[in-house]
Every structure is written in structure tokens, then in C-alpha cells.
Amino acid sequence: MNWIKKVFTISDKIKKILKKRPTKEDVENSKWISCCGPILKTDLNVNLWVCEKCGKHHKVSSVQRFDIFFGKNNYEILKTPIPQDDPLKWEDSKKYIDRLKEARKKTGQDCAVMIAAGKINDINITAGAINFNFIGGSIGIAEGEAIIYGIQHAIDNNNPFIMFTTSGGQRMHESPLALMQMTRTTLAINELKNNNLPYIVCFTSDTAGGVTASFGSLGDISIAETGSNIIFAGKRVIESTVNEKLPDDFQSADFTKKHGFVDMVVDRKDIKKVISNILSILLKKHS
């Protein structure tokens, strides 16, 4: 019987240890964030959510991205169409409709994509930004509609269109309806180019799957934010397919630049200036 008591004692100790671990809510509500060490979120915010010690570029929301790019209160969030929620009545371990409600409450967004209109150096710009905290930044019908709406706004107002991407790809909860957005957004960007308007893509954090394979790869200029990874299939999946070891930096921003997939790798603090300079050249603002 002694060994049984020992098992129960060990089990109780494990439970106590696990109870002490912070929950997701605890982490989100904490004033601190983990990086190369604990950092105050207020300190990160001052530095555009980039760690001063190790240079890691932390994920930012769509609104934070617009604040960094346009400047606070220097842009307008555009109301995008919201189609019917959960047309397939999807349910796995949780109902998809409940996942949407949680994501909206958590992010304050209707969908993962937000569109804004603003001005930089007297250049009117329409921009889109994906929020990874909204179901992994995945693309469904609403996100596709938002991107198309943003592109149409750019065409109607003769604006260049800038897209900041971070996504796990197409949203599995919407199955083929999500996959359709790859074609729809591609056609919309083609229409933008038919109007001779610049399209610049800025890859941030991790961008993967259907986003990389569609509107993410169609930029006239492609920029990768420092520390980002640009992925279609995962590294282990590719290794098992080609049956060889891939480089440690495979799919990183520097790797993709070296192999011609992106034009440049830029620190977050410099993205606004770099895009402004590119647009000035493309639009011949200083000629």
C-alpha cells in the first residue's frame, strides 16, 4: 500500500505545480511579456513592440500597425462588409460561431483584417493589416471581403495599396469558402495593377499557407520585416517530402531575400520611411 500512497502524493504535488502555472488570460492581462527576459509591455510599446536587448519584433494588432505606419489619429478605419457568420455550421471541439465571438471580444475587430486610409508625406494610401490574434490571422470570407473592399477603395481614390501580412493561412472552419478567397483577392489585385496603382506587401511575423500563395506573393515590391518568416508548407513537411535537411534559417526573412523572394528586409522603425520613399519614386512625386 505504501507505493500507492507515494503515487497519490506525487500526483498531488504535480497538480499543485500545474495550478501555479499562469493561464492564457493571466499572460494576456499581465503587465509583463516574455522575450530574452521579462519585459514590461509599456517599455515594449514605447519601442514599437521591439525588444531593445535582442531586437525581437513582437506581434502587433492591426490598430497598432496603423499607429506605427500612419501615426496615431492620422488615419481612418474603413468599415468593411461582414458576410454571414459560419455558413457551414462548423463544429469541432468547439462551435466555430463561438470561436468568432471570442476572437471579436479579444481583439475588438469584426474579422482578422482591418483596412485604413491615411496619408504619408502627402501621399494618400489605403492599407490593410492582419491581426494574428484573430484566429491566427486566418483568412475566411469576411477577411476576403475586407481585402477586396480595401483594394476597391484604393482604385476609387487612386491610392496605392499596402498590405501588412501575418497569418497561418486559409481558415479551415470555412473550408472551400476560405480557399475561394485566394482566387478572389488575386483577381482584385490584378484589377489594382490594371489601374497602374502600386501594390506593396510587407511580411510581418509569420506569414504562411494560402496567404503566401496568393495576395502575399503579388506585390510590386515585397518587404519582409526583420525577424519574420515567410512560409507555405512547414519546414518539417518539406524536409520529409524532399528527403533532405534544410538550412537552419530556411524560410526566414534573410533567407527569402537571399533567394529573391522578397526585395528587402527592414526594421519596423524604418518601414514607414522606406515605403514612403518607394511610393515617391513609383508615383514620381519628386520628379
C-alpha atoms as a PDB file:
ATOM      1  CA  MET A   1       0.000   0.000   0.000  1.00  0.00           C
ATOM      2  CA  ASN A   2       2.986   2.298   0.564  1.00  0.00           C
ATOM      3  CA  TRP A   3       3.697   2.570  -3.177  1.00  0.00           C
ATOM      4  CA  ILE A   4       0.064   3.538  -3.832  1.00  0.00           C
ATOM      5  CA  LYS A   5       0.315   6.339  -1.271  1.00  0.00           C
ATOM      6  CA  LYS A   6       3.504   7.534  -2.927  1.00  0.00           C
ATOM      7  CA  VAL A   7       1.788   7.658  -6.328  1.00  0.00           C
ATOM      8  CA  PHE A   8      -1.057   9.740  -4.882  1.00  0.00           C
ATOM      9  CA  THR A   9       1.411  12.028  -3.099  1.00  0.00           C
ATOM     10  CA  ILE A  10       3.366  12.631  -6.306  1.00  0.00           C
ATOM     11  CA  SER A  11       0.116  13.193  -8.199  1.00  0.00           C
ATOM     12  CA  ASP A  12      -0.975  15.845  -5.662  1.00  0.00           C
ATOM     13  CA  LYS A  13       2.379  17.614  -5.946  1.00  0.00           C
ATOM     14  CA  ILE A  14       2.112  17.703  -9.752  1.00  0.00           C
ATOM     15  CA  LYS A  15      -1.402  19.148  -9.524  1.00  0.00           C
ATOM     16  CA  LYS A  16      -0.192  21.876  -7.165  1.00  0.00           C
ATOM     17  CA  ILE A  17       2.656  22.772  -9.546  1.00  0.00           C
ATOM     18  CA  LEU A  18       0.313  22.900 -12.536  1.00  0.00           C
ATOM     19  CA  LYS A  19      -2.137  25.085 -10.618  1.00  0.00           C
ATOM     20  CA  LYS A  20       0.602  27.667 -10.139  1.00  0.00           C
ATOM     21  CA  ARG A  21       1.184  27.975 -13.897  1.00  0.00           C
ATOM     22  CA  PRO A  22      -0.427  31.107 -15.382  1.00  0.00           C
ATOM     23  CA  THR A  23      -3.417  30.725 -17.669  1.00  0.00           C
ATOM     24  CA  LYS A  24      -3.696  32.384 -21.088  1.00  0.00           C
ATOM     25  CA  GLU A  25      -5.803  35.099 -19.512  1.00  0.00           C
ATOM     26  CA  ASP A  26      -3.154  35.656 -16.831  1.00  0.00           C
ATOM     27  CA  VAL A  27      -0.491  36.068 -19.518  1.00  0.00           C
ATOM     28  CA  GLU A  28      -2.625  38.429 -21.626  1.00  0.00           C
ATOM     29  CA  ASN A  29      -3.581  40.572 -18.633  1.00  0.00           C
ATOM     30  CA  SER A  30      -0.067  40.677 -17.215  1.00  0.00           C
ATOM     31  CA  LYS A  31       1.976  43.877 -17.361  1.00  0.00           C
ATOM     32  CA  TRP A  32       4.947  41.749 -18.434  1.00  0.00           C
ATOM     33  CA  ILE A  33       5.815  39.787 -21.555  1.00  0.00           C
ATOM     34  CA  SER A  34       8.453  37.108 -22.067  1.00  0.00           C
ATOM     35  CA  CYS A  35      11.297  37.730 -24.504  1.00  0.00           C
ATOM     36  CA  CYS A  36      15.035  37.270 -23.852  1.00  0.00           C
ATOM     37  CA  GLY A  37      13.843  38.015 -20.321  1.00  0.00           C
ATOM     38  CA  PRO A  38      10.750  39.542 -18.737  1.00  0.00           C
ATOM     39  CA  ILE A  39       9.921  42.965 -20.224  1.00  0.00           C
ATOM     40  CA  LEU A  40       7.258  45.472 -19.276  1.00  0.00           C
ATOM     41  CA  LYS A  41       4.684  45.834 -22.036  1.00  0.00           C
ATOM     42  CA  THR A  42       4.789  49.606 -21.557  1.00  0.00           C
ATOM     43  CA  ASP A  43       8.512  49.593 -22.378  1.00  0.00           C
ATOM     44  CA  LEU A  44       7.912  47.496 -25.486  1.00  0.00           C
ATOM     45  CA  ASN A  45       5.117  49.807 -26.575  1.00  0.00           C
ATOM     46  CA  VAL A  46       7.415  52.835 -26.430  1.00  0.00           C
ATOM     47  CA  ASN A  47       9.871  50.993 -28.696  1.00  0.00           C
ATOM     48  CA  LEU A  48       7.228  49.955 -31.286  1.00  0.00           C
ATOM     49  CA  TRP A  49       6.985  46.492 -29.686  1.00  0.00           C
ATOM     50  CA  VAL A  50      10.603  45.701 -30.498  1.00  0.00           C
ATOM     51  CA  CYS A  51      12.883  44.375 -27.746  1.00  0.00           C
ATOM     52  CA  GLU A  52      15.761  46.791 -27.118  1.00  0.00           C
ATOM     53  CA  LYS A  53      18.010  43.978 -25.882  1.00  0.00           C
ATOM     54  CA  CYS A  54      17.625  41.241 -28.516  1.00  0.00           C
ATOM     55  CA  GLY A  55      15.831  43.121 -31.303  1.00  0.00           C
ATOM     56  CA  LYS A  56      12.905  40.706 -31.498  1.00  0.00           C
ATOM     57  CA  HIS A  57       9.926  42.209 -33.331  1.00  0.00           C
ATOM     58  CA  HIS A  58       6.837  41.198 -31.342  1.00  0.00           C
ATOM     59  CA  LYS A  59       3.439  40.757 -32.988  1.00  0.00           C
ATOM     60  CA  VAL A  60       1.216  43.826 -33.097  1.00  0.00           C
ATOM     61  CA  SER A  61      -2.512  44.225 -33.720  1.00  0.00           C
ATOM     62  CA  SER A  62      -3.977  45.859 -36.819  1.00  0.00           C
ATOM     63  CA  VAL A  63      -4.589  49.133 -34.959  1.00  0.00           C
ATOM     64  CA  GLN A  64      -1.065  49.125 -33.530  1.00  0.00           C
ATOM     65  CA  ARG A  65       0.279  48.548 -37.026  1.00  0.00           C
ATOM     66  CA  PHE A  66      -1.643  51.539 -38.377  1.00  0.00           C
ATOM     67  CA  ASP A  67      -0.490  53.658 -35.417  1.00  0.00           C
ATOM     68  CA  ILE A  68       3.118  52.816 -36.274  1.00  0.00           C
ATOM     69  CA  PHE A  69       2.678  53.298 -40.022  1.00  0.00           C
ATOM     70  CA  PHE A  70       0.435  56.366 -40.246  1.00  0.00           C
ATOM     71  CA  GLY A  71       0.847  57.793 -36.749  1.00  0.00           C
ATOM     72  CA  LYS A  72      -1.859  57.890 -34.095  1.00  0.00           C
ATOM     73  CA  ASN A  73      -5.060  59.675 -35.127  1.00  0.00           C
ATOM     74  CA  ASN A  74      -3.666  60.202 -38.646  1.00  0.00           C
ATOM     75  CA  TYR A  75      -5.828  57.614 -40.398  1.00  0.00           C
ATOM     76  CA  GLU A  76      -9.406  56.438 -40.747  1.00  0.00           C
ATOM     77  CA  ILE A  77     -10.525  52.852 -40.175  1.00  0.00           C
ATOM     78  CA  LEU A  78     -12.840  51.857 -43.029  1.00  0.00           C
ATOM     79  CA  LYS A  79     -15.959  49.844 -42.292  1.00  0.00           C
ATOM     80  CA  THR A  80     -15.760  46.668 -44.364  1.00  0.00           C
ATOM     81  CA  PRO A  81     -18.606  44.296 -45.295  1.00  0.00           C
ATOM     82  CA  ILE A  82     -19.360  41.485 -42.831  1.00  0.00           C
ATOM     83  CA  PRO A  83     -20.956  38.474 -44.543  1.00  0.00           C
ATOM     84  CA  GLN A  84     -22.983  35.753 -42.844  1.00  0.00           C
ATOM     85  CA  ASP A  85     -21.134  34.094 -39.975  1.00  0.00           C
ATOM     86  CA  ASP A  86     -20.454  30.361 -40.039  1.00  0.00           C
ATOM     87  CA  PRO A  87     -22.293  29.412 -43.265  1.00  0.00           C
ATOM     88  CA  LEU A  88     -21.174  25.771 -42.890  1.00  0.00           C
ATOM     89  CA  LYS A  89     -22.300  25.487 -39.234  1.00  0.00           C
ATOM     90  CA  TRP A  90     -18.830  24.166 -38.413  1.00  0.00           C
ATOM     91  CA  GLU A  91     -18.193  22.425 -35.124  1.00  0.00           C
ATOM     92  CA  ASP A  92     -15.140  20.532 -33.867  1.00  0.00           C
ATOM     93  CA  SER A  93     -14.088  20.651 -30.219  1.00  0.00           C
ATOM     94  CA  LYS A  94     -15.959  23.972 -30.144  1.00  0.00           C
ATOM     95  CA  LYS A  95     -18.535  25.660 -32.337  1.00  0.00           C
ATOM     96  CA  TYR A  96     -16.954  27.972 -34.903  1.00  0.00           C
ATOM     97  CA  ILE A  97     -19.537  30.651 -34.121  1.00  0.00           C
ATOM     98  CA  ASP A  98     -18.272  30.640 -30.524  1.00  0.00           C
ATOM     99  CA  ARG A  99     -14.672  30.972 -31.732  1.00  0.00           C
ATOM    100  CA  LEU A 100     -15.706  34.039 -33.729  1.00  0.00           C
ATOM    101  CA  LYS A 101     -17.408  35.595 -30.714  1.00  0.00           C
ATOM    102  CA  GLU A 102     -14.308  35.021 -28.564  1.00  0.00           C
ATOM    103  CA  ALA A 103     -11.967  36.429 -31.232  1.00  0.00           C
ATOM    104  CA  ARG A 104     -14.118  39.540 -31.641  1.00  0.00           C
ATOM    105  CA  LYS A 105     -14.242  40.112 -27.910  1.00  0.00           C
ATOM    106  CA  LYS A 106     -10.489  39.569 -27.568  1.00  0.00           C
ATOM    107  CA  THR A 107      -9.399  41.818 -30.459  1.00  0.00           C
ATOM    108  CA  GLY A 108     -12.237  44.323 -30.814  1.00  0.00           C
ATOM    109  CA  GLN A 109     -12.304  43.538 -34.542  1.00  0.00           C
ATOM    110  CA  ASP A 110     -15.074  42.097 -36.709  1.00  0.00           C
ATOM    111  CA  CYS A 111     -12.598  39.935 -38.612  1.00  0.00           C
ATOM    112  CA  ALA A 112      -8.828  39.377 -38.831  1.00  0.00           C
ATOM    113  CA  VAL A 113      -8.303  42.089 -41.479  1.00  0.00           C
ATOM    114  CA  MET A 114      -8.677  45.822 -40.959  1.00  0.00           C
ATOM    115  CA  ILE A 115      -8.493  48.451 -43.686  1.00  0.00           C
ATOM    116  CA  ALA A 116      -7.403  52.041 -43.120  1.00  0.00           C
ATOM    117  CA  ALA A 117      -6.938  55.150 -45.228  1.00  0.00           C
ATOM    118  CA  GLY A 118      -4.328  57.744 -44.354  1.00  0.00           C
ATOM    119  CA  LYS A 119      -1.570  59.955 -45.669  1.00  0.00           C
ATOM    120  CA  ILE A 120       2.229  59.811 -45.502  1.00  0.00           C
ATOM    121  CA  ASN A 121       4.323  62.674 -46.887  1.00  0.00           C
ATOM    122  CA  ASP A 122       1.322  63.996 -48.857  1.00  0.00           C
ATOM    123  CA  ILE A 123       0.706  60.568 -50.418  1.00  0.00           C
ATOM    124  CA  ASN A 124      -2.798  59.186 -49.874  1.00  0.00           C
ATOM    125  CA  ILE A 125      -2.589  55.490 -49.020  1.00  0.00           C
ATOM    126  CA  THR A 126      -5.037  52.658 -48.442  1.00  0.00           C
ATOM    127  CA  ALA A 127      -3.607  49.934 -46.215  1.00  0.00           C
ATOM    128  CA  GLY A 128      -4.663  46.572 -44.840  1.00  0.00           C
ATOM    129  CA  ALA A 129      -3.316  44.798 -41.772  1.00  0.00           C
ATOM    130  CA  ILE A 130      -3.956  41.309 -40.417  1.00  0.00           C
ATOM    131  CA  ASN A 131      -4.270  40.660 -36.688  1.00  0.00           C
ATOM    132  CA  PHE A 132      -2.734  37.293 -35.772  1.00  0.00           C
ATOM    133  CA  ASN A 133      -4.688  37.257 -32.505  1.00  0.00           C
ATOM    134  CA  PHE A 134      -7.903  36.827 -34.508  1.00  0.00           C
ATOM    135  CA  ILE A 135      -7.903  33.022 -35.008  1.00  0.00           C
ATOM    136  CA  GLY A 136      -4.270  33.015 -36.099  1.00  0.00           C
ATOM    137  CA  GLY A 137      -4.831  35.726 -38.695  1.00  0.00           C
ATOM    138  CA  SER A 138      -6.529  33.107 -40.863  1.00  0.00           C
ATOM    139  CA  ILE A 139      -8.420  34.172 -43.968  1.00  0.00           C
ATOM    140  CA  GLY A 140     -12.124  33.440 -44.360  1.00  0.00           C
ATOM    141  CA  ILE A 141     -14.976  35.041 -46.273  1.00  0.00           C
ATOM    142  CA  ALA A 142     -15.047  38.219 -44.129  1.00  0.00           C
ATOM    143  CA  GLU A 143     -11.291  38.716 -44.470  1.00  0.00           C
ATOM    144  CA  GLY A 144     -11.506  38.231 -48.238  1.00  0.00           C
ATOM    145  CA  GLU A 145     -14.312  40.792 -48.420  1.00  0.00           C
ATOM    146  CA  ALA A 146     -12.264  43.238 -46.344  1.00  0.00           C
ATOM    147  CA  ILE A 147      -9.220  42.940 -48.618  1.00  0.00           C
ATOM    148  CA  ILE A 148     -11.336  43.325 -51.766  1.00  0.00           C
ATOM    149  CA  TYR A 149     -13.101  46.338 -50.233  1.00  0.00           C
ATOM    150  CA  GLY A 150      -9.717  47.895 -49.416  1.00  0.00           C
ATOM    151  CA  ILE A 151      -8.430  47.339 -52.935  1.00  0.00           C
ATOM    152  CA  GLN A 152     -11.606  48.823 -54.449  1.00  0.00           C
ATOM    153  CA  HIS A 153     -11.229  51.844 -52.140  1.00  0.00           C
ATOM    154  CA  ALA A 154      -7.661  52.247 -53.397  1.00  0.00           C
ATOM    155  CA  ILE A 155      -8.850  52.096 -57.029  1.00  0.00           C
ATOM    156  CA  ASP A 156     -11.739  54.516 -56.460  1.00  0.00           C
ATOM    157  CA  ASN A 157      -9.438  57.023 -54.754  1.00  0.00           C
ATOM    158  CA  ASN A 158      -6.391  56.435 -56.975  1.00  0.00           C
ATOM    159  CA  ASN A 159      -4.354  55.272 -53.958  1.00  0.00           C
ATOM    160  CA  PRO A 160      -1.510  52.773 -53.690  1.00  0.00           C
ATOM    161  CA  PHE A 161      -2.424  49.731 -51.591  1.00  0.00           C
ATOM    162  CA  ILE A 162      -0.175  48.440 -48.813  1.00  0.00           C
ATOM    163  CA  MET A 163      -0.790  45.038 -47.181  1.00  0.00           C
ATOM    164  CA  PHE A 164       0.771  44.002 -43.865  1.00  0.00           C
ATOM    165  CA  THR A 165       0.535  40.221 -43.577  1.00  0.00           C
ATOM    166  CA  THR A 166       0.775  37.792 -40.681  1.00  0.00           C
ATOM    167  CA  SER A 167      -1.297  34.646 -40.971  1.00  0.00           C
ATOM    168  CA  GLY A 168      -1.475  30.897 -40.631  1.00  0.00           C
ATOM    169  CA  GLY A 169      -3.266  30.698 -43.988  1.00  0.00           C
ATOM    170  CA  GLN A 170      -6.843  29.990 -45.022  1.00  0.00           C
ATOM    171  CA  ARG A 171      -9.385  29.311 -42.257  1.00  0.00           C
ATOM    172  CA  MET A 172     -10.201  25.602 -42.054  1.00  0.00           C
ATOM    173  CA  HIS A 173     -13.568  26.313 -40.373  1.00  0.00           C
ATOM    174  CA  GLU A 174     -14.792  27.739 -43.673  1.00  0.00           C
ATOM    175  CA  SER A 175     -13.183  25.065 -45.876  1.00  0.00           C
ATOM    176  CA  PRO A 176     -13.641  25.718 -49.655  1.00  0.00           C
ATOM    177  CA  LEU A 177     -15.249  29.097 -48.950  1.00  0.00           C
ATOM    178  CA  ALA A 178     -11.944  30.172 -47.384  1.00  0.00           C
ATOM    179  CA  LEU A 179      -9.909  28.720 -50.255  1.00  0.00           C
ATOM    180  CA  MET A 180     -12.011  30.770 -52.697  1.00  0.00           C
ATOM    181  CA  GLN A 181     -10.574  33.932 -51.151  1.00  0.00           C
ATOM    182  CA  MET A 182      -7.175  33.114 -52.660  1.00  0.00           C
ATOM    183  CA  THR A 183      -8.641  33.486 -56.151  1.00  0.00           C
ATOM    184  CA  ARG A 184     -10.872  36.438 -55.286  1.00  0.00           C
ATOM    185  CA  THR A 185      -8.068  38.502 -53.703  1.00  0.00           C
ATOM    186  CA  THR A 186      -5.717  37.636 -56.582  1.00  0.00           C
ATOM    187  CA  LEU A 187      -8.270  38.914 -59.114  1.00  0.00           C
ATOM    188  CA  ALA A 188      -8.776  42.092 -57.063  1.00  0.00           C
ATOM    189  CA  ILE A 189      -5.034  42.795 -57.002  1.00  0.00           C
ATOM    190  CA  ASN A 190      -4.894  42.212 -60.750  1.00  0.00           C
ATOM    191  CA  GLU A 191      -7.561  44.904 -61.116  1.00  0.00           C
ATOM    192  CA  LEU A 192      -5.449  47.241 -58.935  1.00  0.00           C
ATOM    193  CA  LYS A 193      -2.484  46.695 -61.250  1.00  0.00           C
ATOM    194  CA  ASN A 194      -4.641  47.240 -64.330  1.00  0.00           C
ATOM    195  CA  ASN A 195      -5.220  50.714 -62.897  1.00  0.00           C
ATOM    196  CA  ASN A 196      -1.449  51.254 -62.617  1.00  0.00           C
ATOM    197  CA  LEU A 197      -1.578  51.598 -58.846  1.00  0.00           C
ATOM    198  CA  PRO A 198       1.337  50.329 -56.720  1.00  0.00           C
ATOM    199  CA  TYR A 199       0.828  47.290 -54.507  1.00  0.00           C
ATOM    200  CA  ILE A 200       3.365  46.789 -51.721  1.00  0.00           C
ATOM    201  CA  VAL A 201       3.372  43.754 -49.436  1.00  0.00           C
ATOM    202  CA  CYS A 202       5.065  43.840 -46.034  1.00  0.00           C
ATOM    203  CA  PHE A 203       5.505  40.399 -44.482  1.00  0.00           C
ATOM    204  CA  THR A 204       5.474  40.586 -40.689  1.00  0.00           C
ATOM    205  CA  SER A 205       5.898  37.947 -38.003  1.00  0.00           C
ATOM    206  CA  ASP A 206       4.985  34.599 -39.611  1.00  0.00           C
ATOM    207  CA  THR A 207       3.030  34.508 -42.884  1.00  0.00           C
ATOM    208  CA  ALA A 208       2.077  31.080 -44.148  1.00  0.00           C
ATOM    209  CA  GLY A 209      -0.137  28.887 -46.317  1.00  0.00           C
ATOM    210  CA  GLY A 210      -2.726  30.410 -48.613  1.00  0.00           C
ATOM    211  CA  VAL A 211      -1.710  33.990 -47.833  1.00  0.00           C
ATOM    212  CA  THR A 212       1.842  33.342 -49.040  1.00  0.00           C
ATOM    213  CA  ALA A 213       0.408  31.526 -52.067  1.00  0.00           C
ATOM    214  CA  SER A 214      -1.994  34.312 -53.074  1.00  0.00           C
ATOM    215  CA  PHE A 215      -2.057  38.051 -52.334  1.00  0.00           C
ATOM    216  CA  GLY A 216       1.111  37.834 -50.224  1.00  0.00           C
ATOM    217  CA  SER A 217       3.246  36.972 -53.239  1.00  0.00           C
ATOM    218  CA  LEU A 218       1.871  39.500 -55.725  1.00  0.00           C
ATOM    219  CA  GLY A 219       3.455  42.729 -54.530  1.00  0.00           C
ATOM    220  CA  ASP A 220       5.190  45.067 -56.969  1.00  0.00           C
ATOM    221  CA  ILE A 221       7.594  45.462 -54.058  1.00  0.00           C
ATOM    222  CA  SER A 222       7.876  42.852 -51.307  1.00  0.00           C
ATOM    223  CA  ILE A 223       9.285  43.806 -47.909  1.00  0.00           C
ATOM    224  CA  ALA A 224       9.985  41.492 -45.006  1.00  0.00           C
ATOM    225  CA  GLU A 225      10.014  42.921 -41.500  1.00  0.00           C
ATOM    226  CA  THR A 226      13.095  41.935 -39.515  1.00  0.00           C
ATOM    227  CA  GLY A 227      12.640  38.556 -37.826  1.00  0.00           C
ATOM    228  CA  SER A 228       9.667  37.487 -39.921  1.00  0.00           C
ATOM    229  CA  ASN A 229       9.253  34.068 -41.505  1.00  0.00           C
ATOM    230  CA  ILE A 230       7.651  33.539 -44.903  1.00  0.00           C
ATOM    231  CA  ILE A 231       6.227  30.058 -45.216  1.00  0.00           C
ATOM    232  CA  PHE A 232       3.996  27.988 -47.454  1.00  0.00           C
ATOM    233  CA  ALA A 233       4.293  24.497 -46.022  1.00  0.00           C
ATOM    234  CA  GLY A 234       6.157  23.917 -42.765  1.00  0.00           C
ATOM    235  CA  LYS A 235       9.856  23.125 -42.728  1.00  0.00           C
ATOM    236  CA  ARG A 236       9.416  19.576 -41.399  1.00  0.00           C
ATOM    237  CA  VAL A 237       6.773  18.813 -44.042  1.00  0.00           C
ATOM    238  CA  ILE A 238       9.129  19.967 -46.809  1.00  0.00           C
ATOM    239  CA  GLU A 239      12.066  18.040 -45.341  1.00  0.00           C
ATOM    240  CA  SER A 240      10.033  14.826 -45.301  1.00  0.00           C
ATOM    241  CA  THR A 241       8.895  15.487 -48.889  1.00  0.00           C
ATOM    242  CA  VAL A 242      12.316  16.226 -50.426  1.00  0.00           C
ATOM    243  CA  ASN A 243      14.056  13.853 -48.019  1.00  0.00           C
ATOM    244  CA  GLU A 244      16.896  16.188 -47.151  1.00  0.00           C
ATOM    245  CA  LYS A 245      17.958  18.500 -44.342  1.00  0.00           C
ATOM    246  CA  LEU A 246      17.108  22.156 -44.923  1.00  0.00           C
ATOM    247  CA  PRO A 247      19.186  25.133 -43.645  1.00  0.00           C
ATOM    248  CA  ASP A 248      18.522  26.402 -40.132  1.00  0.00           C
ATOM    249  CA  ASP A 249      17.450  29.798 -41.474  1.00  0.00           C
ATOM    250  CA  PHE A 250      15.129  28.291 -44.102  1.00  0.00           C
ATOM    251  CA  GLN A 251      12.026  30.491 -44.651  1.00  0.00           C
ATOM    252  CA  SER A 252      13.450  33.356 -42.563  1.00  0.00           C
ATOM    253  CA  ALA A 253      13.345  36.926 -43.865  1.00  0.00           C
ATOM    254  CA  ASP A 254      17.068  36.941 -44.687  1.00  0.00           C
ATOM    255  CA  PHE A 255      16.837  33.542 -46.415  1.00  0.00           C
ATOM    256  CA  THR A 256      13.942  34.641 -48.614  1.00  0.00           C
ATOM    257  CA  LYS A 257      15.754  37.877 -49.548  1.00  0.00           C
ATOM    258  CA  LYS A 258      18.899  35.950 -50.425  1.00  0.00           C
ATOM    259  CA  HIS A 259      16.860  33.740 -52.758  1.00  0.00           C
ATOM    260  CA  GLY A 260      14.933  36.585 -54.394  1.00  0.00           C
ATOM    261  CA  PHE A 261      11.502  36.069 -52.858  1.00  0.00           C
ATOM    262  CA  VAL A 262      11.476  39.496 -51.170  1.00  0.00           C
ATOM    263  CA  ASP A 263      13.197  42.701 -52.199  1.00  0.00           C
ATOM    264  CA  MET A 264      14.405  43.881 -48.810  1.00  0.00           C
ATOM    265  CA  VAL A 265      14.419  43.198 -45.074  1.00  0.00           C
ATOM    266  CA  VAL A 266      13.555  46.270 -42.998  1.00  0.00           C
ATOM    267  CA  ASP A 267      13.368  47.046 -39.270  1.00  0.00           C
ATOM    268  CA  ARG A 268       9.934  48.075 -38.027  1.00  0.00           C
ATOM    269  CA  LYS A 269      11.050  51.606 -37.192  1.00  0.00           C
ATOM    270  CA  ASP A 270      12.176  52.155 -40.794  1.00  0.00           C
ATOM    271  CA  ILE A 271       9.216  50.653 -42.693  1.00  0.00           C
ATOM    272  CA  LYS A 272       7.255  53.906 -42.903  1.00  0.00           C
ATOM    273  CA  LYS A 273      10.232  55.796 -44.351  1.00  0.00           C
ATOM    274  CA  VAL A 274      11.142  53.020 -46.788  1.00  0.00           C
ATOM    275  CA  ILE A 275       7.594  52.678 -48.137  1.00  0.00           C
ATOM    276  CA  SER A 276       7.250  56.442 -48.372  1.00  0.00           C
ATOM    277  CA  ASN A 277      10.457  56.653 -50.433  1.00  0.00           C
ATOM    278  CA  ILE A 278       9.368  53.789 -52.706  1.00  0.00           C
ATOM    279  CA  LEU A 279       5.975  55.371 -53.341  1.00  0.00           C
ATOM    280  CA  SER A 280       7.573  58.752 -54.047  1.00  0.00           C
ATOM    281  CA  ILE A 281       9.647  57.102 -56.780  1.00  0.00           C
ATOM    282  CA  LEU A 282       6.835  54.964 -58.205  1.00  0.00           C
ATOM    283  CA  LEU A 283       4.363  57.847 -58.216  1.00  0.00           C
ATOM    284  CA  LYS A 284       7.020  60.336 -59.356  1.00  0.00           C
ATOM    285  CA  LYS A 285       6.183  62.713 -56.536  1.00  0.00           C
ATOM    286  CA  HIS A 286       9.575  64.422 -56.590  1.00  0.00           C
ATOM    287  CA  SER A 287      10.332  64.381 -60.283  1.00  0.00           C
END
